[in-house]
PDB file of N, CA and C in Angstrom:
ATOM      1  N   MET A   1       0.842  -1.179   0.000  1.00  0.00           N
ATOM      2  CA  MET A   1       0.000   0.000   0.000  1.00  0.00           C
ATOM      3  C   MET A   1       0.889   1.244   0.000  1.00  0.00           C
ATOM      4  N   ARG A   2       0.570   2.153  -0.868  1.00  0.00           N
ATOM      5  CA  ARG A   2       1.342   3.382  -0.981  1.00  0.00           C
ATOM      6  C   ARG A   2       0.924   4.387   0.088  1.00  0.00           C
ATOM      7  N   ARG A   3       1.908   5.003   0.702  1.00  0.00           N
ATOM      8  CA  ARG A   3       1.652   5.999   1.742  1.00  0.00           C
ATOM      9  C   ARG A   3       1.128   7.284   1.116  1.00  0.00           C
ATOM     10  N   LYS A   4       0.080   7.850   1.716  1.00  0.00           N
ATOM     11  CA  LYS A   4      -0.464   9.118   1.235  1.00  0.00           C
ATOM     12  C   LYS A   4       0.483  10.248   1.591  1.00  0.00           C
ATOM     13  N   GLU A   5       0.636  11.173   0.661  1.00  0.00           N
ATOM     14  CA  GLU A   5       1.471  12.336   0.932  1.00  0.00           C
ATOM     15  C   GLU A   5       0.713  13.307   1.820  1.00  0.00           C
ATOM     16  N   ASN A   6       1.416  13.910   2.745  1.00  0.00           N
ATOM     17  CA  ASN A   6       0.823  14.885   3.654  1.00  0.00           C
ATOM     18  C   ASN A   6       0.468  16.146   2.866  1.00  0.00           C
ATOM     19  N   PRO A   7      -0.812  16.504   2.763  1.00  0.00           N
ATOM     20  CA  PRO A   7      -1.195  17.672   1.960  1.00  0.00           C
ATOM     21  C   PRO A   7      -0.751  18.997   2.563  1.00  0.00           C
ATOM     22  N   THR A   8      -0.470  19.040   3.859  1.00  0.00           N
ATOM     23  CA  THR A   8      -0.048  20.294   4.476  1.00  0.00           C
ATOM     24  C   THR A   8       1.454  20.504   4.372  1.00  0.00           C
ATOM     25  N   ARG A   9       2.206  19.456   4.122  1.00  0.00           N
ATOM     26  CA  ARG A   9       3.655  19.514   3.947  1.00  0.00           C
ATOM     27  C   ARG A   9       4.343  20.252   5.089  1.00  0.00           C
ATOM     28  N   CYS A  10       3.991  19.896   6.289  1.00  0.00           N
ATOM     29  CA  CYS A  10       4.553  20.533   7.487  1.00  0.00           C
ATOM     30  C   CYS A  10       6.017  20.191   7.701  1.00  0.00           C
ATOM     31  N   ASN A  11       6.542  19.314   6.883  1.00  0.00           N
ATOM     32  CA  ASN A  11       7.938  18.923   7.024  1.00  0.00           C
ATOM     33  C   ASN A  11       8.866  19.716   6.102  1.00  0.00           C
ATOM     34  N   ILE A  12       8.331  20.610   5.282  1.00  0.00           N
ATOM     35  CA  ILE A  12       9.131  21.317   4.279  1.00  0.00           C
ATOM     36  C   ILE A  12       9.572  22.685   4.785  1.00  0.00           C
ATOM     37  N   PHE A  13      10.880  22.893   4.874  1.00  0.00           N
ATOM     38  CA  PHE A  13      11.454  24.206   5.161  1.00  0.00           C
ATOM     39  C   PHE A  13      11.983  24.732   3.838  1.00  0.00           C
ATOM     40  N   SER A  14      11.579  25.917   3.449  1.00  0.00           N
ATOM     41  CA  SER A  14      11.973  26.478   2.163  1.00  0.00           C
ATOM     42  C   SER A  14      13.406  26.996   2.230  1.00  0.00           C
ATOM     43  N   GLY A  15      14.346  26.150   1.866  1.00  0.00           N
ATOM     44  CA  GLY A  15      15.753  26.529   1.878  1.00  0.00           C
ATOM     45  C   GLY A  15      16.110  27.539   0.810  1.00  0.00           C
ATOM     46  N   ASP A  16      15.241  27.706  -0.194  1.00  0.00           N
ATOM     47  CA  ASP A  16      15.481  28.692  -1.249  1.00  0.00           C
ATOM     48  C   ASP A  16      15.122  30.103  -0.812  1.00  0.00           C
ATOM     49  N   ASP A  17      14.407  30.247   0.278  1.00  0.00           N
ATOM     50  CA  ASP A  17      13.967  31.552   0.779  1.00  0.00           C
ATOM     51  C   ASP A  17      15.099  32.187   1.593  1.00  0.00           C
ATOM     52  N   ALA A  18      15.687  33.264   1.048  1.00  0.00           N
ATOM     53  CA  ALA A  18      16.821  33.921   1.717  1.00  0.00           C
ATOM     54  C   ALA A  18      16.421  34.464   3.087  1.00  0.00           C
ATOM     55  N   GLY A  19      15.209  34.971   3.213  1.00  0.00           N
ATOM     56  CA  GLY A  19      14.740  35.476   4.501  1.00  0.00           C
ATOM     57  C   GLY A  19      14.626  34.371   5.532  1.00  0.00           C
ATOM     58  N   ALA A  20      14.145  33.222   5.106  1.00  0.00           N
ATOM     59  CA  ALA A  20      14.029  32.078   6.017  1.00  0.00           C
ATOM     60  C   ALA A  20      15.411  31.604   6.458  1.00  0.00           C
ATOM     61  N   ARG A  21      16.362  31.591   5.521  1.00  0.00           N
ATOM     62  CA  ARG A  21      17.734  31.202   5.887  1.00  0.00           C
ATOM     63  C   ARG A  21      18.328  32.196   6.876  1.00  0.00           C
ATOM     64  N   GLY A  22      18.065  33.493   6.666  1.00  0.00           N
ATOM     65  CA  GLY A  22      18.549  34.512   7.597  1.00  0.00           C
ATOM     66  C   GLY A  22      17.931  34.364   8.973  1.00  0.00           C
ATOM     67  N   ASN A  23      16.626  34.095   9.013  1.00  0.00           N
ATOM     68  CA  ASN A  23      15.949  33.870  10.294  1.00  0.00           C
ATOM     69  C   ASN A  23      16.514  32.651  11.005  1.00  0.00           C
ATOM     70  N   LEU A  24      16.804  31.605  10.247  1.00  0.00           N
ATOM     71  CA  LEU A  24      17.383  30.395  10.830  1.00  0.00           C
ATOM     72  C   LEU A  24      18.759  30.698  11.431  1.00  0.00           C
ATOM     73  N   CYS A  25      19.558  31.482  10.722  1.00  0.00           N
ATOM     74  CA  CYS A  25      20.878  31.881  11.247  1.00  0.00           C
ATOM     75  C   CYS A  25      20.736  32.635  12.558  1.00  0.00           C
ATOM     76  N   ARG A  26      19.834  33.610  12.584  1.00  0.00           N
ATOM     77  CA  ARG A  26      19.645  34.401  13.804  1.00  0.00           C
ATOM     78  C   ARG A  26      19.125  33.538  14.946  1.00  0.00           C
ATOM     79  N   TRP A  27      18.170  32.659  14.644  1.00  0.00           N
ATOM     80  CA  TRP A  27      17.563  31.798  15.658  1.00  0.00           C
ATOM     81  C   TRP A  27      18.596  30.877  16.301  1.00  0.00           C
ATOM     82  N   LEU A  28      19.503  30.360  15.470  1.00  0.00           N
ATOM     83  CA  LEU A  28      20.511  29.426  15.967  1.00  0.00           C
ATOM     84  C   LEU A  28      21.818  30.112  16.358  1.00  0.00           C
ATOM     85  N   GLY A  29      21.917  31.419  16.138  1.00  0.00           N
ATOM     86  CA  GLY A  29      23.131  32.150  16.482  1.00  0.00           C
ATOM     87  C   GLY A  29      24.316  31.799  15.600  1.00  0.00           C
ATOM     88  N   LEU A  30      24.049  31.505  14.334  1.00  0.00           N
ATOM     89  CA  LEU A  30      25.114  31.140  13.398  1.00  0.00           C
ATOM     90  C   LEU A  30      25.642  32.379  12.687  1.00  0.00           C
ATOM     91  N   SER A  31      26.926  32.377  12.381  1.00  0.00           N
ATOM     92  CA  SER A  31      27.512  33.511  11.677  1.00  0.00           C
ATOM     93  C   SER A  31      27.752  33.206  10.200  1.00  0.00           C
ATOM     94  N   GLU A  32      27.751  31.934   9.830  1.00  0.00           N
ATOM     95  CA  GLU A  32      28.019  31.566   8.442  1.00  0.00           C
ATOM     96  C   GLU A  32      26.779  31.736   7.569  1.00  0.00           C
ATOM     97  N   ARG A  33      27.021  31.982   6.291  1.00  0.00           N
ATOM     98  CA  ARG A  33      25.919  32.059   5.336  1.00  0.00           C
ATOM     99  C   ARG A  33      25.460  30.639   5.014  1.00  0.00           C
ATOM    100  N   LEU A  34      24.165  30.455   4.938  1.00  0.00           N
ATOM    101  CA  LEU A  34      23.617  29.120   4.708  1.00  0.00           C
ATOM    102  C   LEU A  34      23.209  28.946   3.252  1.00  0.00           C
ATOM    103  N   ASP A  35      23.520  27.786   2.691  1.00  0.00           N
ATOM    104  CA  ASP A  35      22.963  27.397   1.404  1.00  0.00           C
ATOM    105  C   ASP A  35      22.024  26.218   1.661  1.00  0.00           C
ATOM    106  N   ASN A  36      21.418  25.689   0.612  1.00  0.00           N
ATOM    107  CA  ASN A  36      20.436  24.612   0.790  1.00  0.00           C
ATOM    108  C   ASN A  36      21.028  23.382   1.478  1.00  0.00           C
ATOM    109  N   LYS A  37      22.277  23.042   1.151  1.00  0.00           N
ATOM    110  CA  LYS A  37      22.905  21.860   1.764  1.00  0.00           C
ATOM    111  C   LYS A  37      23.110  22.062   3.259  1.00  0.00           C
ATOM    112  N   ILE A  38      23.551  23.260   3.641  1.00  0.00           N
ATOM    113  CA  ILE A  38      23.767  23.537   5.067  1.00  0.00           C
ATOM    114  C   ILE A  38      22.436  23.575   5.804  1.00  0.00           C
ATOM    115  N   VAL A  39      21.413  24.180   5.183  1.00  0.00           N
ATOM    116  CA  VAL A  39      20.077  24.216   5.799  1.00  0.00           C
ATOM    117  C   VAL A  39      19.589  22.794   6.048  1.00  0.00           C
ATOM    118  N   ALA A  40      19.736  21.927   5.052  1.00  0.00           N
ATOM    119  CA  ALA A  40      19.298  20.534   5.204  1.00  0.00           C
ATOM    120  C   ALA A  40      20.053  19.847   6.340  1.00  0.00           C
ATOM    121  N   ARG A  41      21.360  20.106   6.440  1.00  0.00           N
ATOM    122  CA  ARG A  41      22.161  19.494   7.503  1.00  0.00           C
ATOM    123  C   ARG A  41      21.758  20.024   8.878  1.00  0.00           C
ATOM    124  N   VAL A  42      21.550  21.344   8.972  1.00  0.00           N
ATOM    125  CA  VAL A  42      21.183  21.963  10.248  1.00  0.00           C
ATOM    126  C   VAL A  42      19.823  21.469  10.721  1.00  0.00           C
ATOM    127  N   LEU A  43      18.880  21.329   9.793  1.00  0.00           N
ATOM    128  CA  LEU A  43      17.514  20.940  10.159  1.00  0.00           C
ATOM    129  C   LEU A  43      17.284  19.432  10.154  1.00  0.00           C
ATOM    130  N   LYS A  44      18.334  18.652   9.964  1.00  0.00           N
ATOM    131  CA  LYS A  44      18.178  17.194   9.874  1.00  0.00           C
ATOM    132  C   LYS A  44      17.473  16.609  11.095  1.00  0.00           C
ATOM    133  N   CYS A  45      17.829  17.080  12.289  1.00  0.00           N
ATOM    134  CA  CYS A  45      17.204  16.514  13.494  1.00  0.00           C
ATOM    135  C   CYS A  45      15.750  16.977  13.655  1.00  0.00           C
ATOM    136  N   TRP A  46      15.350  18.012  12.917  1.00  0.00           N
ATOM    137  CA  TRP A  46      13.956  18.482  12.962  1.00  0.00           C
ATOM    138  C   TRP A  46      13.269  18.251  11.618  1.00  0.00           C
ATOM    139  N   LYS A  47      13.689  17.222  10.887  1.00  0.00           N
ATOM    140  CA  LYS A  47      13.234  17.037   9.509  1.00  0.00           C
ATOM    141  C   LYS A  47      11.717  16.932   9.363  1.00  0.00           C
ATOM    142  N   HIS A  48      11.034  16.500  10.380  1.00  0.00           N
ATOM    143  CA  HIS A  48       9.576  16.384  10.286  1.00  0.00           C
ATOM    144  C   HIS A  48       8.866  17.693  10.618  1.00  0.00           C
ATOM    145  N   PHE A  49       9.602  18.690  11.074  1.00  0.00           N
ATOM    146  CA  PHE A  49       8.993  19.932  11.556  1.00  0.00           C
ATOM    147  C   PHE A  49       9.497  21.180  10.834  1.00  0.00           C
ATOM    148  N   GLY A  50      10.165  21.024   9.718  1.00  0.00           N
ATOM    149  CA  GLY A  50      10.709  22.162   8.981  1.00  0.00           C
ATOM    150  C   GLY A  50       9.658  23.185   8.590  1.00  0.00           C
ATOM    151  N   GLY A  51       8.487  22.718   8.192  1.00  0.00           N
ATOM    152  CA  GLY A  51       7.404  23.632   7.823  1.00  0.00           C
ATOM    153  C   GLY A  51       6.887  24.423   9.006  1.00  0.00           C
ATOM    154  N   PHE A  52       6.843  23.790  10.161  1.00  0.00           N
ATOM    155  CA  PHE A  52       6.416  24.507  11.368  1.00  0.00           C
ATOM    156  C   PHE A  52       7.429  25.582  11.755  1.00  0.00           C
ATOM    157  N   ILE A  53       8.716  25.271  11.597  1.00  0.00           N
ATOM    158  CA  ILE A  53       9.759  26.253  11.889  1.00  0.00           C
ATOM    159  C   ILE A  53       9.632  27.427  10.928  1.00  0.00           C
ATOM    160  N   TYR A  54       9.450  27.127   9.650  1.00  0.00           N
ATOM    161  CA  TYR A  54       9.272  28.168   8.632  1.00  0.00           C
ATOM    162  C   TYR A  54       8.046  29.029   8.956  1.00  0.00           C
ATOM    163  N   PHE A  55       6.949  28.393   9.324  1.00  0.00           N
ATOM    164  CA  PHE A  55       5.713  29.099   9.666  1.00  0.00           C
ATOM    165  C   PHE A  55       5.915  29.975  10.905  1.00  0.00           C
ATOM    166  N   HIS A  56       6.659  29.471  11.886  1.00  0.00           N
ATOM    167  CA  HIS A  56       6.967  30.249  13.087  1.00  0.00           C
ATOM    168  C   HIS A  56       7.731  31.518  12.712  1.00  0.00           C
ATOM    169  N   PHE A  57       8.739  31.389  11.844  1.00  0.00           N
ATOM    170  CA  PHE A  57       9.499  32.562  11.411  1.00  0.00           C
ATOM    171  C   PHE A  57       8.583  33.561  10.713  1.00  0.00           C
ATOM    172  N   LEU A  58       7.694  33.066   9.872  1.00  0.00           N
ATOM    173  CA  LEU A  58       6.763  33.934   9.150  1.00  0.00           C
ATOM    174  C   LEU A  58       5.842  34.673  10.113  1.00  0.00           C
ATOM    175  N   LEU A  59       5.226  33.964  11.037  1.00  0.00           N
ATOM    176  CA  LEU A  59       4.331  34.612  12.004  1.00  0.00           C
ATOM    177  C   LEU A  59       5.080  35.587  12.902  1.00  0.00           C
ATOM    178  N   ASN A  60       6.286  35.229  13.300  1.00  0.00           N
ATOM    179  CA  ASN A  60       7.083  36.118  14.142  1.00  0.00           C
ATOM    180  C   ASN A  60       7.387  37.422  13.405  1.00  0.00           C
ATOM    181  N   LYS A  61       7.725  37.329  12.129  1.00  0.00           N
ATOM    182  CA  LYS A  61       8.027  38.522  11.329  1.00  0.00           C
ATOM    183  C   LYS A  61       6.787  39.397  11.177  1.00  0.00           C
ATOM    184  N   ILE A  62       5.641  38.775  10.959  1.00  0.00           N
ATOM    185  CA  ILE A  62       4.397  39.530  10.788  1.00  0.00           C
ATOM    186  C   ILE A  62       4.000  40.230  12.076  1.00  0.00           C
ATOM    187  N   THR A  63       4.058  39.534  13.194  1.00  0.00           N
ATOM    188  CA  THR A  63       3.565  40.109  14.448  1.00  0.00           C
ATOM    189  C   THR A  63       4.537  41.079  15.098  1.00  0.00           C
ATOM    190  N   THR A  64       5.831  40.974  14.815  1.00  0.00           N
ATOM    191  CA  THR A  64       6.793  41.887  15.427  1.00  0.00           C
ATOM    192  C   THR A  64       7.181  43.029  14.502  1.00  0.00           C
ATOM    193  N   GLY A  65       6.843  42.920  13.236  1.00  0.00           N
ATOM    194  CA  GLY A  65       7.180  43.963  12.277  1.00  0.00           C
ATOM    195  C   GLY A  65       6.031  44.927  12.075  1.00  0.00           C
ATOM    196  N   ARG A  66       6.156  45.734  11.051  1.00  0.00           N
ATOM    197  CA  ARG A  66       5.121  46.716  10.730  1.00  0.00           C
ATOM    198  C   ARG A  66       4.063  46.136   9.789  1.00  0.00           C
ATOM    199  N   HIS A  67       4.072  44.824   9.641  1.00  0.00           N
ATOM    200  CA  HIS A  67       3.116  44.168   8.752  1.00  0.00           C
ATOM    201  C   HIS A  67       1.775  43.941   9.429  1.00  0.00           C
ATOM    202  N   TRP A  68       1.702  44.166  10.707  1.00  0.00           N
ATOM    203  CA  TRP A  68       0.511  43.842  11.496  1.00  0.00           C
ATOM    204  C   TRP A  68      -0.021  45.116  12.125  1.00  0.00           C
ATOM    205  N   ARG A  69      -1.306  45.387  11.961  1.00  0.00           N
ATOM    206  CA  ARG A  69      -1.907  46.564  12.564  1.00  0.00           C
ATOM    207  C   ARG A  69      -3.047  46.110  13.455  1.00  0.00           C
ATOM    208  N   ALA A  70      -3.022  46.529  14.698  1.00  0.00           N
ATOM    209  CA  ALA A  70      -4.088  46.156  15.628  1.00  0.00           C
ATOM    210  C   ALA A  70      -5.392  46.787  15.169  1.00  0.00           C
ATOM    211  N   THR A  71      -6.479  46.032  15.248  1.00  0.00           N
ATOM    212  CA  THR A  71      -7.778  46.545  14.821  1.00  0.00           C
ATOM    213  C   THR A  71      -8.745  46.664  15.980  1.00  0.00           C
ATOM    214  N   HIS A  72      -8.262  46.440  17.179  1.00  0.00           N
ATOM    215  CA  HIS A  72      -9.116  46.556  18.350  1.00  0.00           C
ATOM    216  C   HIS A  72      -9.492  48.021  18.536  1.00  0.00           C
ATOM    217  N   PRO A  73     -10.783  48.340  18.809  1.00  0.00           N
ATOM    218  CA  PRO A  73     -11.217  49.739  18.924  1.00  0.00           C
ATOM    219  C   PRO A  73     -10.421  50.544  19.950  1.00  0.00           C
ATOM    220  N   ALA A  74      -9.995  49.925  21.024  1.00  0.00           N
ATOM    221  CA  ALA A  74      -9.245  50.646  22.054  1.00  0.00           C
ATOM    222  C   ALA A  74      -7.875  51.078  21.553  1.00  0.00           C
ATOM    223  N   SER A  75      -7.353  50.395  20.534  1.00  0.00           N
ATOM    224  CA  SER A  75      -6.031  50.739  20.028  1.00  0.00           C
ATOM    225  C   SER A  75      -6.095  51.717  18.865  1.00  0.00           C
ATOM    226  N   ASP A  76      -7.292  52.051  18.404  1.00  0.00           N
ATOM    227  CA  ASP A  76      -7.458  52.967  17.280  1.00  0.00           C
ATOM    228  C   ASP A  76      -7.443  54.400  17.794  1.00  0.00           C
ATOM    229  N   LYS A  77      -6.399  55.149  17.478  1.00  0.00           N
ATOM    230  CA  LYS A  77      -6.233  56.523  17.960  1.00  0.00           C
ATOM    231  C   LYS A  77      -6.764  57.556  16.958  1.00  0.00           C
ATOM    232  N   SER A  78      -7.314  57.093  15.839  1.00  0.00           N
ATOM    233  CA  SER A  78      -7.726  58.027  14.788  1.00  0.00           C
ATOM    234  C   SER A  78      -9.055  58.703  15.067  1.00  0.00           C
ATOM    235  N   GLY A  79      -9.845  58.180  15.966  1.00  0.00           N
ATOM    236  CA  GLY A  79     -11.182  58.728  16.119  1.00  0.00           C
ATOM    237  C   GLY A  79     -11.430  59.250  17.432  1.00  0.00           C
TER     238      GLY A  79
END
């Protein structure tokens, strides 16, 4: 019986994404530049969770950067 592929692909870390590689460097405190081979080696022990790590970096960037604007009425100073 053939194994079904996971449709959410939570195991995939996008090593081609320069921003994701930079976030991985900062998260792990690495000073070297990462290429796809190094990313694969670094994430080998978390191979089933690469997509979750990538998603965490994405959400962290959105919520800590200027990409997110609070919409709660108490935080709206315009009115």
